Amino acid sequence: MNNRERVLAAIKHQQVDRVPVMYRGLPETNAKLIKHFGIGKEDAFGLELMESLGVDLFSAGSAMGRYTRLAPAFTGPGSEEHGSHLDHVWGLVPQQVSTKDITYVDWINHPMAGFTSVREIEDYPSPNIDDFDFSGMVIDKDAGERAIYSVGKLNHIFILASRLRGMDRFLLDMAIDPAFAEALVNKVAEFAVEFNRRALEQAGHEVDQYTLWDDIAMQNGMMMSPEYWQKYFKKWYETLFADAKQYGLKVFYHCCGSFHPIIPALLDMGVDILDPVQTSARDMDLKTLKERYGNNVCWHGGIDVQHLLPHGTTEEIQQTVREAKNLFGNDGGIVLGPSHEITPDTPVENILAVYGC
């Protein structure tokens, strides 16, 4: 099997010649590895780094396939300023934050924080769909056999609503002002559906999967009750996933933390791949997940980046990898790798231990 065949077979729970493995790291971590291997400047798809690590796939924090996730270019006001951070189209302001080791984007305003009525939500301008160039969503075949192609952007409905309103306010809205909360969710979701339908019309027949991330959980459980999730979000997920299924796509869903109460519903809705397998969260270890959900879903991740990789020994890491591979064998059902992007405080030797380098 080549790399792409191996990953696609694992997603379908078909026999594989070995467990497929993926890599994902923050840019600063990538730079450390590039220096270690003497690669020089990273190529457009990270192919040399993948070859050096011996991995099947270069993934992102919330997507399978870091460099092969297609999205329309934003051509409206501020396009040069904001680049690929599309949340800004909702009037959100990004800010680049730098610490000692990493640089990341934070969102510093909540445009709807002071709203008190549904009418204010209705009057708030939605993004203009004509400000996006969907025609530019074209697959670049240079990614070769290590490519899994996907679409799916601006569909993180809960996170977008939380950023517009403020997380604390929005969680309270769901409990004490359901009409207000529903109006906000519907406004964000209606645009998400239109945006993603346009993307599917352009590229749905060319890609492998549909990607959606929406972090609604914490280390010990969900941020909201399963009943609230069902009330406000489920119907929109169903619509987005059903649209993707019309193109025969596999559906990839990312949620950090422990979200067991809604996993059965997600599987019923057609989710094929669950990410990130945050094994440090409650009951998210691979053995528990395999026992509960069997062959109904493919997992993406499984090697802890919070404790094991930065602080464990190479022997502990190698043992964890062996146990994961033995658990799944050659029956598919997992694309093994870090539970999220590896942080630059992780020793290089520990990263190499994951991949037997």
Protein backbone atom coordinates (compact mmCIF):
# COMPACT_ATOMS: atom_id res chain seq x y z
CA MET A 1 0.00 0.00 0.00
CA ASN A 2 1.12 3.56 -0.56
CA ASN A 3 0.49 6.18 2.11
CA ARG A 4 -2.80 7.45 0.74
CA GLU A 5 -4.20 3.96 0.18
CA ARG A 6 -3.27 2.97 3.73
CA VAL A 7 -5.03 5.97 5.31
CA LEU A 8 -8.18 5.59 3.20
CA ALA A 9 -8.35 1.86 3.98
CA ALA A 10 -8.02 2.53 7.71
CA ILE A 11 -10.87 5.05 7.57
CA LYS A 12 -13.07 2.37 5.96
CA HIS A 13 -11.99 -0.29 8.48
CA GLN A 14 -10.39 -2.33 5.75
CA GLN A 15 -7.27 -4.45 6.14
CA VAL A 16 -4.03 -2.46 6.13
CA ASP A 17 -0.46 -3.66 5.83
CA ARG A 18 0.35 -1.63 8.97
CA VAL A 19 -1.27 1.00 11.16
CA PRO A 20 -1.08 4.36 9.32
CA VAL A 21 0.64 7.14 11.25
CA MET A 22 0.42 10.90 10.95
CA TYR A 23 2.40 13.86 12.23
CA ARG A 24 1.15 17.25 13.34
CA GLY A 25 3.06 19.99 15.13
CA LEU A 26 3.06 23.71 15.69
CA PRO A 27 5.17 25.70 13.21
CA GLU A 28 7.90 26.12 15.81
CA THR A 29 8.00 22.34 16.31
CA ASN A 30 8.17 21.78 12.57
CA ALA A 31 11.13 24.17 12.41
CA LYS A 32 12.96 22.18 15.10
CA LEU A 33 12.51 18.95 13.16
CA ILE A 34 13.48 20.54 9.85
CA LYS A 35 16.70 21.73 11.47
CA HIS A 36 17.29 18.31 13.04
CA PHE A 37 16.97 16.53 9.71
CA GLY A 38 18.90 19.20 7.83
CA ILE A 39 16.07 19.64 5.36
CA GLY A 40 16.54 23.34 4.76
CA LYS A 41 13.46 25.31 3.74
CA GLU A 42 10.21 23.38 4.16
CA ASP A 43 8.50 22.51 0.87
CA ALA A 44 4.89 23.47 0.17
CA PHE A 45 3.41 20.18 1.42
CA GLY A 46 5.93 19.17 4.07
CA LEU A 47 6.87 16.16 1.96
CA GLU A 48 10.52 16.03 3.01
CA LEU A 49 9.60 16.18 6.68
CA MET A 50 7.05 13.40 6.22
CA GLU A 51 9.64 11.31 4.40
CA SER A 52 12.19 11.88 7.16
CA LEU A 53 9.71 10.86 9.87
CA GLY A 54 8.32 7.96 7.83
CA VAL A 55 4.69 9.07 8.24
CA ASP A 56 1.71 8.64 5.97
CA LEU A 57 0.10 12.02 6.52
CA PHE A 58 0.86 15.59 7.64
CA SER A 59 -2.21 16.63 9.64
CA ALA A 60 -3.31 19.89 11.25
CA GLY A 61 -4.61 20.56 14.73
CA SER A 62 -8.22 20.13 13.67
CA ALA A 63 -8.03 18.53 10.24
CA MET A 64 -6.72 15.44 8.50
CA GLY A 65 -4.35 16.88 5.90
CA ARG A 66 -2.63 20.15 6.82
CA TYR A 67 -1.83 21.40 3.34
CA THR A 68 -4.63 19.82 1.33
CA ARG A 69 -7.73 21.37 2.93
CA LEU A 70 -9.33 23.50 0.25
CA ALA A 71 -11.02 26.80 1.04
CA PRO A 72 -12.12 29.76 -1.07
CA ALA A 73 -9.95 32.86 -0.95
CA PHE A 74 -11.53 35.85 0.76
CA THR A 75 -11.45 38.79 -1.64
CA GLY A 76 -13.50 41.31 0.32
CA PRO A 77 -12.42 44.23 2.50
CA GLY A 78 -9.40 43.43 4.67
CA SER A 79 -8.34 40.39 2.66
CA GLU A 80 -4.67 41.37 2.72
CA GLU A 81 -4.74 42.11 6.44
CA HIS A 82 -6.36 38.94 7.74
CA GLY A 83 -5.19 36.25 5.32
CA SER A 84 -6.51 32.76 6.00
CA HIS A 85 -8.15 33.48 9.38
CA LEU A 86 -11.66 33.56 7.99
CA ASP A 87 -13.47 34.18 11.29
CA HIS A 88 -12.78 37.88 10.73
CA VAL A 89 -15.60 37.96 8.14
CA TRP A 90 -18.01 38.01 11.10
CA GLY A 91 -16.50 41.24 12.40
CA LEU A 92 -14.11 39.45 14.75
CA VAL A 93 -10.67 40.98 15.21
CA PRO A 94 -7.64 38.66 15.21
CA GLN A 95 -4.55 39.43 17.22
CA GLN A 96 -1.23 37.65 16.89
CA VAL A 97 0.09 36.72 20.32
CA SER A 98 3.68 35.65 20.90
CA THR A 99 5.04 33.85 23.94
CA LYS A 100 8.53 32.58 24.63
CA ASP A 101 8.06 29.53 22.41
CA ILE A 102 5.02 29.98 20.16
CA THR A 103 2.94 32.46 18.21
CA TYR A 104 -0.81 32.03 17.88
CA VAL A 105 -3.94 33.97 16.90
CA ASP A 106 -6.39 35.16 19.54
CA TRP A 107 -9.75 36.86 18.94
CA ILE A 108 -10.01 39.98 21.05
CA ASN A 109 -13.52 41.39 20.56
CA HIS A 110 -17.10 40.20 21.02
CA PRO A 111 -19.27 42.31 18.67
CA MET A 112 -22.55 41.04 20.15
CA ALA A 113 -21.54 41.27 23.81
CA GLY A 114 -23.89 44.16 24.51
CA PHE A 115 -26.87 42.91 22.51
CA THR A 116 -30.12 42.50 24.43
CA SER A 117 -32.64 41.59 21.72
CA VAL A 118 -33.16 39.15 18.88
CA ARG A 119 -33.70 42.12 16.58
CA GLU A 120 -30.10 43.25 17.15
CA ILE A 121 -28.87 39.81 16.09
CA GLU A 122 -31.05 39.87 13.00
CA ASP A 123 -29.76 43.34 12.06
CA TYR A 124 -26.11 42.37 12.48
CA PRO A 125 -24.55 41.95 9.00
CA SER A 126 -23.75 38.41 7.93
CA PRO A 127 -20.69 37.90 5.70
CA ASN A 128 -21.16 38.51 1.99
CA ILE A 129 -20.90 35.21 0.14
CA ASP A 130 -19.76 37.09 -2.97
CA ASP A 131 -16.60 38.13 -1.11
CA PHE A 132 -15.23 34.60 -1.57
CA ASP A 133 -13.63 33.13 -4.69
CA PHE A 134 -14.87 29.54 -4.76
CA SER A 135 -13.56 29.04 -8.29
CA GLY A 136 -10.01 28.96 -6.93
CA MET A 137 -10.63 25.77 -4.94
CA VAL A 138 -8.53 23.44 -7.08
CA ILE A 139 -6.58 20.37 -5.99
CA ASP A 140 -2.82 20.58 -6.30
CA LYS A 141 -1.69 17.11 -7.33
CA ASP A 142 1.92 17.88 -6.30
CA ALA A 143 1.01 16.66 -2.80
CA GLY A 144 1.33 13.16 -4.26
CA GLU A 145 0.45 9.95 -2.48
CA ARG A 146 0.56 11.52 1.00
CA ALA A 147 -2.54 13.62 0.37
CA ILE A 148 -6.03 13.43 1.82
CA TYR A 149 -8.10 16.27 0.37
CA SER A 150 -10.95 17.96 2.22
CA VAL A 151 -13.28 20.93 2.37
CA GLY A 152 -15.04 22.53 5.33
CA LYS A 153 -14.61 26.03 6.76
CA LEU A 154 -16.58 28.54 8.84
CA ASN A 155 -18.74 25.68 10.13
CA HIS A 156 -17.61 25.81 13.80
CA ILE A 157 -21.00 27.14 14.81
CA PHE A 158 -20.62 27.01 18.60
CA ILE A 159 -17.17 28.60 18.58
CA LEU A 160 -18.23 31.37 16.19
CA ALA A 161 -21.32 32.15 18.25
CA SER A 162 -19.17 32.16 21.40
CA ARG A 163 -16.66 34.54 19.85
CA LEU A 164 -19.40 36.90 18.68
CA ARG A 165 -21.17 36.95 22.03
CA GLY A 166 -18.45 35.97 24.51
CA MET A 167 -18.25 32.41 25.83
CA ASP A 168 -19.68 33.11 29.29
CA ARG A 169 -22.58 35.17 27.95
CA PHE A 170 -23.45 32.66 25.25
CA LEU A 171 -23.50 29.72 27.66
CA LEU A 172 -25.84 31.74 29.91
CA ASP A 173 -28.01 32.66 26.92
CA MET A 174 -28.62 28.99 26.15
CA ALA A 175 -29.88 28.50 29.70
CA ILE A 176 -31.86 31.67 30.40
CA ASP A 177 -32.73 33.22 27.02
CA PRO A 178 -33.24 30.39 24.54
CA ALA A 179 -34.85 32.62 21.89
CA PHE A 180 -31.79 34.87 21.87
CA ALA A 181 -29.37 31.92 21.79
CA GLU A 182 -31.29 30.22 19.00
CA ALA A 183 -31.35 33.40 16.91
CA LEU A 184 -27.55 33.71 17.24
CA VAL A 185 -26.92 30.06 16.40
CA ASN A 186 -29.27 30.18 13.43
CA LYS A 187 -27.63 33.30 12.03
CA VAL A 188 -24.17 31.73 12.11
CA ALA A 189 -25.43 28.35 10.91
CA GLU A 190 -27.44 29.64 7.97
CA PHE A 191 -24.35 31.26 6.53
CA ALA A 192 -22.29 28.14 7.28
CA VAL A 193 -24.68 25.99 5.27
CA GLU A 194 -24.66 28.34 2.28
CA PHE A 195 -20.87 28.77 2.40
CA ASN A 196 -20.18 25.05 2.61
CA ARG A 197 -22.69 24.20 -0.11
CA ARG A 198 -20.85 26.56 -2.44
CA ALA A 199 -17.56 24.89 -1.53
CA LEU A 200 -19.02 21.43 -2.14
CA GLU A 201 -20.46 22.49 -5.49
CA GLN A 202 -16.99 23.59 -6.54
CA ALA A 203 -14.83 20.80 -5.12
CA GLY A 204 -17.06 18.11 -3.62
CA HIS A 205 -16.43 15.67 -6.45
CA GLU A 206 -12.65 16.12 -6.18
CA VAL A 207 -11.96 15.70 -2.46
CA ASP A 208 -12.02 12.79 -0.03
CA GLN A 209 -13.69 14.21 3.04
CA TYR A 210 -15.62 16.98 4.73
CA THR A 211 -14.07 18.52 7.85
CA LEU A 212 -15.81 20.22 10.75
CA TRP A 213 -14.33 21.30 14.09
CA ASP A 214 -16.32 22.68 16.99
CA ASP A 215 -14.85 22.36 20.48
CA ILE A 216 -17.77 21.84 22.84
CA ALA A 217 -15.98 19.84 25.54
CA MET A 218 -13.41 20.11 28.34
CA GLN A 219 -11.08 17.62 30.06
CA ASN A 220 -13.88 16.13 32.18
CA GLY A 221 -16.95 16.56 30.02
CA MET A 222 -18.98 18.83 27.78
CA MET A 223 -19.35 22.60 28.16
CA MET A 224 -23.11 22.21 27.92
CA SER A 225 -25.65 19.50 28.58
CA PRO A 226 -26.29 16.99 25.79
CA GLU A 227 -29.86 18.33 25.76
CA TYR A 228 -28.66 21.83 24.92
CA TRP A 229 -26.39 20.43 22.21
CA GLN A 230 -29.35 18.59 20.74
CA LYS A 231 -31.57 21.66 20.94
CA TYR A 232 -29.25 24.25 19.42
CA PHE A 233 -26.69 22.49 17.25
CA LYS A 234 -27.66 18.97 16.18
CA LYS A 235 -29.96 19.93 13.32
CA TRP A 236 -27.26 22.11 11.78
CA TYR A 237 -24.64 19.39 12.00
CA GLU A 238 -27.12 17.03 10.38
CA THR A 239 -27.61 19.44 7.49
CA LEU A 240 -23.88 20.05 6.96
CA PHE A 241 -23.04 16.35 7.12
CA ALA A 242 -25.93 15.37 4.84
CA ASP A 243 -24.76 17.90 2.25
CA ALA A 244 -21.29 16.33 2.33
CA LYS A 245 -22.67 12.81 2.06
CA GLN A 246 -24.38 13.76 -1.20
CA TYR A 247 -20.88 13.88 -2.68
CA GLY A 248 -19.88 10.54 -1.16
CA LEU A 249 -17.44 12.19 1.25
CA LYS A 250 -16.18 10.85 4.53
CA VAL A 251 -17.01 13.18 7.42
CA PHE A 252 -14.26 14.23 9.85
CA TYR A 253 -15.30 15.83 13.15
CA HIS A 254 -12.90 17.42 15.64
CA CYS A 255 -13.69 18.15 19.27
CA CYS A 256 -11.09 18.43 22.01
CA GLY A 257 -11.86 17.03 25.44
CA SER A 258 -14.33 14.35 26.53
CA PHE A 259 -17.58 14.38 24.56
CA HIS A 260 -18.91 10.83 25.04
CA PRO A 261 -22.58 11.87 25.50
CA ILE A 262 -22.88 12.98 21.87
CA ILE A 263 -20.62 10.45 20.13
CA PRO A 264 -23.48 8.02 19.39
CA ALA A 265 -25.48 10.87 17.82
CA LEU A 266 -22.49 11.96 15.75
CA LEU A 267 -22.06 8.43 14.43
CA ASP A 268 -25.77 8.20 13.62
CA MET A 269 -25.40 11.46 11.68
CA GLY A 270 -22.71 9.98 9.48
CA VAL A 271 -19.41 10.97 11.10
CA ASP A 272 -16.66 8.63 9.87
CA ILE A 273 -13.56 10.02 11.63
CA LEU A 274 -13.31 11.45 15.16
CA ASP A 275 -10.43 13.63 16.31
CA PRO A 276 -8.29 14.35 18.29
CA VAL A 277 -8.51 11.33 20.68
CA GLN A 278 -7.34 13.51 23.57
CA THR A 279 -6.27 10.59 25.74
CA SER A 280 -5.65 12.82 28.78
CA ALA A 281 -9.38 13.69 28.88
CA ARG A 282 -11.87 11.57 30.81
CA ASP A 283 -12.47 8.12 29.29
CA MET A 284 -10.81 9.10 26.02
CA ASP A 285 -8.12 6.42 26.10
CA LEU A 286 -7.97 4.26 23.00
CA LYS A 287 -8.98 1.05 24.77
CA THR A 288 -12.18 2.61 26.11
CA LEU A 289 -13.02 4.16 22.76
CA LYS A 290 -12.51 0.92 20.85
CA GLU A 291 -14.58 -1.05 23.36
CA ARG A 292 -17.48 1.42 23.28
CA TYR A 293 -17.64 2.24 19.58
CA GLY A 294 -15.98 -0.72 17.90
CA ASN A 295 -15.84 -0.55 14.13
CA ASN A 296 -18.29 2.34 13.82
CA VAL A 297 -15.71 5.10 13.47
CA CYS A 298 -12.06 5.75 12.65
CA TRP A 299 -9.93 7.56 15.24
CA HIS A 300 -7.34 10.22 14.39
CA GLY A 301 -4.69 10.81 17.06
CA GLY A 302 -4.19 8.85 20.26
CA ILE A 303 -0.67 9.82 21.47
CA ASP A 304 -0.91 12.35 24.31
CA VAL A 305 0.73 15.74 23.71
CA GLN A 306 -0.09 17.21 27.13
CA HIS A 307 1.93 14.95 29.38
CA LEU A 308 3.46 11.97 27.61
CA LEU A 309 5.29 13.60 24.70
CA PRO A 310 6.78 16.63 26.49
CA HIS A 311 7.53 14.90 29.79
CA GLY A 312 7.66 11.13 29.21
CA THR A 313 10.68 8.99 28.46
CA THR A 314 11.37 7.62 25.01
CA GLU A 315 10.71 4.14 26.40
CA GLU A 316 7.28 5.18 27.70
CA ILE A 317 6.42 6.73 24.35
CA GLN A 318 7.53 3.68 22.39
CA GLN A 319 5.50 1.42 24.69
CA THR A 320 2.38 3.57 24.21
CA VAL A 321 2.78 3.44 20.44
CA ARG A 322 3.23 -0.34 20.51
CA GLU A 323 0.13 -0.79 22.66
CA ALA A 324 -1.96 1.35 20.30
CA LYS A 325 -0.79 -0.56 17.25
CA ASN A 326 -1.43 -3.90 18.93
CA LEU A 327 -4.91 -2.77 19.97
CA PHE A 328 -5.98 -2.04 16.39
CA GLY A 329 -3.73 -4.45 14.52
CA ASN A 330 -4.21 -4.53 10.76
CA ASP A 331 -7.98 -4.10 10.87
CA GLY A 332 -8.03 -0.33 10.29
CA GLY A 333 -9.98 2.08 12.43
CA ILE A 334 -7.18 4.43 13.42
CA VAL A 335 -4.72 6.91 11.94
CA LEU A 336 -2.27 7.04 14.82
CA GLY A 337 -0.42 10.18 15.82
CA PRO A 338 -0.25 13.00 18.35
CA SER A 339 -3.51 13.97 20.02
CA HIS A 340 -3.02 17.53 18.82
CA GLU A 341 -0.20 19.61 17.36
CA ILE A 342 3.06 18.84 19.16
CA THR A 343 4.35 21.85 21.09
CA PRO A 344 7.96 23.06 20.74
CA ASP A 345 8.81 22.27 24.38
CA THR A 346 8.72 18.58 23.39
CA PRO A 347 12.23 17.09 23.10
CA VAL A 348 13.13 16.07 19.55
CA GLU A 349 14.07 12.59 20.73
CA ASN A 350 10.56 12.12 22.13
CA ILE A 351 8.99 13.08 18.80
CA LEU A 352 11.29 10.70 16.96
CA ALA A 353 10.33 7.93 19.42
CA VAL A 354 6.72 8.12 18.18
CA TYR A 355 7.84 7.24 14.67
CA GLY A 356 10.68 4.84 15.43
CA CYS A 357 13.30 7.22 14.05
